[in-house]
Protein backbone atom coordinates (compact mmCIF):
# COMPACT_ATOMS: atom_id res chain seq x y z
CA MET A 1 13.49 5.18 4.84
CA ARG A 2 13.08 8.83 5.82
CA ASP A 3 13.71 9.81 2.20
CA PRO A 4 10.31 10.06 0.42
CA PHE A 5 12.04 9.66 -2.97
CA LEU A 6 14.24 6.76 -1.85
CA LEU A 7 13.47 4.61 -4.91
CA SER A 8 12.71 7.37 -7.40
CA PRO A 9 14.93 7.52 -10.49
CA GLY A 10 16.21 10.71 -12.06
CA LYS A 11 16.07 14.27 -10.82
CA ARG A 12 14.25 14.87 -7.58
CA ARG A 13 11.79 17.65 -7.02
CA ASP A 14 10.66 19.50 -3.92
CA LEU A 15 8.32 17.56 -1.68
CA HIS A 16 4.62 18.44 -1.89
CA PRO A 17 3.01 18.97 1.55
CA LEU A 18 0.74 15.97 0.89
CA GLU A 19 3.75 13.67 0.47
CA LYS A 20 5.20 14.10 3.94
CA ASP A 21 5.01 10.83 5.86
CA PRO A 22 2.03 11.23 8.21
CA SER A 23 2.61 10.72 11.92
CA VAL A 24 -0.60 11.95 13.53
CA ALA A 25 -4.34 11.37 13.31
CA ALA A 26 -6.30 13.97 11.30
CA PHE A 27 -9.68 14.62 9.72
CA ASP A 28 -9.71 14.51 5.91
CA LYS A 29 -12.24 17.05 4.61
CA ASP A 30 -12.17 15.71 1.04
CA LEU A 31 -13.23 12.20 2.08
CA ASN A 32 -15.07 13.14 5.30
CA VAL A 33 -13.19 10.50 7.33
CA TRP A 34 -10.56 10.36 10.05
CA VAL A 35 -7.14 9.17 8.91
CA ALA A 36 -4.02 7.79 10.57
CA PRO A 37 -0.64 6.55 9.30
CA PHE A 38 -0.91 3.25 7.41
CA PRO A 39 1.61 0.68 8.75
CA THR A 40 3.39 0.07 5.41
CA ALA A 41 2.96 3.53 3.86
CA SER A 42 6.66 4.37 4.21
CA ILE A 43 7.35 1.49 1.80
CA ASP A 44 4.27 1.67 -0.44
CA THR A 45 4.61 5.39 -1.18
CA ARG A 46 8.22 4.94 -2.34
CA VAL A 47 7.17 2.17 -4.73
CA VAL A 48 4.38 4.34 -6.20
CA ARG A 49 6.81 7.23 -6.69
CA ARG A 50 9.26 4.91 -8.43
CA SER A 51 6.44 3.73 -10.72
CA CYS A 52 5.70 7.36 -11.56
CA GLY A 53 9.34 8.10 -12.28
CA LEU A 54 9.74 5.05 -14.52
CA SER A 55 6.50 5.88 -16.35
CA GLY A 56 7.38 9.54 -16.86
CA ILE A 57 4.41 10.85 -14.89
CA ASP A 58 4.27 12.77 -11.64
CA PHE A 59 1.66 13.29 -8.97
CA ALA A 60 1.61 13.75 -5.21
CA PHE A 61 0.69 10.52 -3.40
CA GLN A 62 0.07 9.52 0.20
CA GLU A 63 -1.40 6.49 1.93
CA TYR A 64 -3.56 6.44 5.05
CA MET A 65 -5.77 4.15 7.08
CA THR A 66 -9.30 5.57 7.32
CA PHE A 67 -11.85 5.47 10.13
CA SER A 68 -15.49 6.51 10.21
CA GLY A 69 -18.31 6.44 12.75
CA VAL A 70 -18.67 7.77 16.27
CA THR A 71 -15.40 6.31 17.57
CA ALA A 72 -13.36 7.25 14.48
CA PRO A 73 -11.31 10.02 16.18
CA LEU A 74 -10.30 7.66 18.99
CA GLN A 75 -9.48 4.82 16.59
CA ALA A 76 -7.36 7.11 14.42
CA LEU A 77 -5.55 8.49 17.47
CA ALA A 78 -4.90 4.98 18.83
CA MET A 79 -3.55 3.86 15.44
CA ALA A 80 -1.25 6.89 15.16
CA LEU A 81 0.08 6.42 18.70
CA GLY A 82 0.51 2.67 18.20
CA SER A 83 2.41 3.21 14.93
CA ALA A 84 4.71 5.74 16.59
CA LEU A 85 5.42 3.43 19.53
CA VAL A 86 6.17 0.42 17.31
CA SER A 87 8.42 2.53 15.09
CA LYS A 88 10.42 3.73 18.10
CA ALA A 89 10.56 0.24 19.60
CA MET A 90 11.84 -1.30 16.35
CA ALA A 91 14.90 0.94 16.62
CA ALA A 92 15.93 -1.02 19.74
CA PRO A 93 17.88 -4.25 19.04
CA PHE A 94 16.23 -5.99 22.02
CA PHE A 95 12.72 -5.35 20.67
CA ARG A 96 13.66 -6.44 17.14
CA GLU A 97 15.13 -9.66 18.53
CA MET A 98 11.95 -10.28 20.56
CA VAL A 99 9.76 -9.79 17.45
CA THR A 100 11.98 -12.09 15.39
CA ARG A 101 11.77 -14.86 18.00
CA SER A 102 7.99 -14.59 18.34
CA ALA A 103 7.33 -14.56 14.56
CA GLN A 104 8.35 -18.13 13.79
CA PRO A 105 7.05 -20.03 10.71
CA GLY A 106 3.64 -21.52 11.44
CA SER A 107 2.90 -19.08 14.27
CA GLY A 108 0.48 -16.95 12.22
CA PRO A 109 -3.31 -17.04 12.16
CA ASN A 110 -5.16 -20.31 11.62
CA PRO A 111 -6.77 -21.10 8.22
CA GLU A 112 -10.24 -20.09 9.40
CA VAL A 113 -9.03 -16.63 10.40
CA MET A 114 -7.12 -16.23 7.12
CA ASP A 115 -10.18 -17.26 5.09
CA ALA A 116 -12.46 -14.85 7.00
CA GLY A 117 -10.23 -11.82 6.34
CA TRP A 118 -10.71 -9.18 3.68
CA PHE A 119 -9.25 -5.93 2.37
CA ARG A 120 -10.60 -2.83 0.69
CA CYS A 121 -8.33 -0.13 -0.71
CA ARG A 122 -9.94 3.16 -1.72
CA ILE A 123 -7.87 5.18 -4.20
CA TRP A 124 -9.06 8.77 -4.49
CA GLY A 125 -7.53 11.46 -6.65
CA LYS A 126 -8.03 15.14 -7.30
CA THR A 127 -6.63 17.13 -10.23
CA SER A 128 -5.28 20.67 -10.04
CA ASP A 129 -8.49 21.93 -11.68
CA GLY A 130 -10.70 20.22 -9.06
CA ARG A 131 -11.85 17.08 -10.90
CA THR A 132 -11.90 13.87 -8.83
CA ALA A 133 -11.73 10.15 -9.55
CA GLU A 134 -12.01 7.08 -7.37
CA VAL A 135 -11.19 3.38 -7.70
CA THR A 136 -11.70 0.62 -5.16
CA VAL A 137 -9.58 -2.53 -5.02
CA ALA A 138 -11.01 -5.26 -2.79
CA GLY A 139 -10.77 -8.96 -2.10
CA LYS A 140 -11.58 -11.74 0.36
CA GLY A 141 -8.93 -13.37 2.51
CA ASP A 142 -6.43 -12.12 5.07
CA PRO A 143 -4.34 -9.38 3.37
CA ALA A 144 -1.05 -10.40 5.01
CA ASN A 145 -1.46 -14.06 4.09
CA ARG A 146 -4.07 -15.10 1.52
CA ILE A 147 -3.96 -11.91 -0.60
CA THR A 148 -0.17 -11.53 -0.50
CA VAL A 149 0.35 -15.16 -1.56
CA LYS A 150 -2.25 -14.77 -4.33
CA CYS A 151 -0.52 -11.62 -5.65
CA LEU A 152 2.93 -13.24 -5.55
CA CYS A 153 1.76 -16.39 -7.33
CA GLU A 154 -0.10 -14.47 -10.03
CA SER A 155 2.93 -12.20 -10.51
CA ALA A 156 5.15 -15.25 -11.04
CA LEU A 157 2.65 -16.77 -13.48
CA CYS A 158 2.42 -13.45 -15.31
CA LEU A 159 6.21 -13.41 -15.75
CA ALA A 160 6.34 -17.06 -16.80
CA CYS A 161 3.30 -17.24 -19.09
CA ASP A 162 2.43 -13.75 -20.33
CA ALA A 163 5.74 -12.44 -21.68
CA ALA A 164 4.10 -11.05 -24.83
CA GLU A 165 1.81 -8.84 -22.72
CA LEU A 166 4.49 -7.43 -20.44
CA PRO A 167 6.00 -3.97 -20.89
CA GLY A 168 9.29 -4.23 -22.79
CA ARG A 169 11.71 -2.87 -20.23
CA GLY A 170 14.27 -4.10 -17.73
CA GLY A 171 15.84 -3.08 -14.47
CA ILE A 172 14.37 -2.83 -11.00
CA LEU A 173 10.68 -2.54 -11.78
CA THR A 174 7.49 -2.17 -9.77
CA PRO A 175 4.33 -4.26 -10.30
CA SER A 176 2.73 -1.56 -12.48
CA THR A 177 5.81 -0.93 -14.63
CA GLY A 178 6.96 -4.56 -14.90
CA LEU A 179 3.67 -6.47 -15.03
CA GLY A 180 1.04 -3.84 -15.78
CA LYS A 181 -2.41 -4.79 -17.05
CA GLY A 182 -1.47 -8.46 -17.37
CA LEU A 183 -1.27 -8.73 -13.58
CA VAL A 184 -4.55 -6.84 -13.16
CA ARG A 185 -6.25 -9.28 -15.54
CA ARG A 186 -4.88 -12.28 -13.63
CA LEU A 187 -5.89 -10.87 -10.24
CA ARG A 188 -9.42 -10.24 -11.49
CA THR A 189 -9.74 -13.92 -12.41
CA ARG A 190 -8.66 -14.78 -8.85
CA GLY A 191 -11.36 -12.71 -7.17
CA ILE A 192 -9.67 -9.33 -6.71
CA GLU A 193 -12.13 -6.59 -7.66
CA PHE A 194 -11.10 -3.33 -9.37
CA THR A 195 -14.07 -0.91 -9.44
CA ALA A 196 -14.11 2.63 -10.84
CA HIS A 197 -16.62 5.00 -9.21
């Protein structure tokens, strides 16, 4: 997991400074927010880089959790420290066993909590000549439960029902390279919003 190009096919290139896995809280001048490591970034970034490799495109990508407001520096610092502590603890067999025992089926949040959840993902890009673009992906429902289940079900339906729309390729694919716009269309009909700014 320490390899930023773990899933990337073909020849590897040198790592851009932006692509290093973040471990500390910092202030992002481009977005004017405080950032901290996102819990699943070490997985998500590898999937995006594989998508790029399979699509024949290349760009530097990183994922963060953002914080704004008066307490943003403290929130970002707490998130960075918490992520570091959990990462270290997960290396210990005793801690992993404890987490496995406590995370039994049915022990998650109740339906009311899952229904009240939401997510908002802000995707911001900057070209080498200074142009910028931004897209927001958002939806209602707990991301770890309601949204994940919705995405999995719509992915399965896309594979089963929309074969004519799918990219004609095989192998170990990512959502964008294996399902593409067909999945986006399905998610939109299920309440996931994709907004260009």
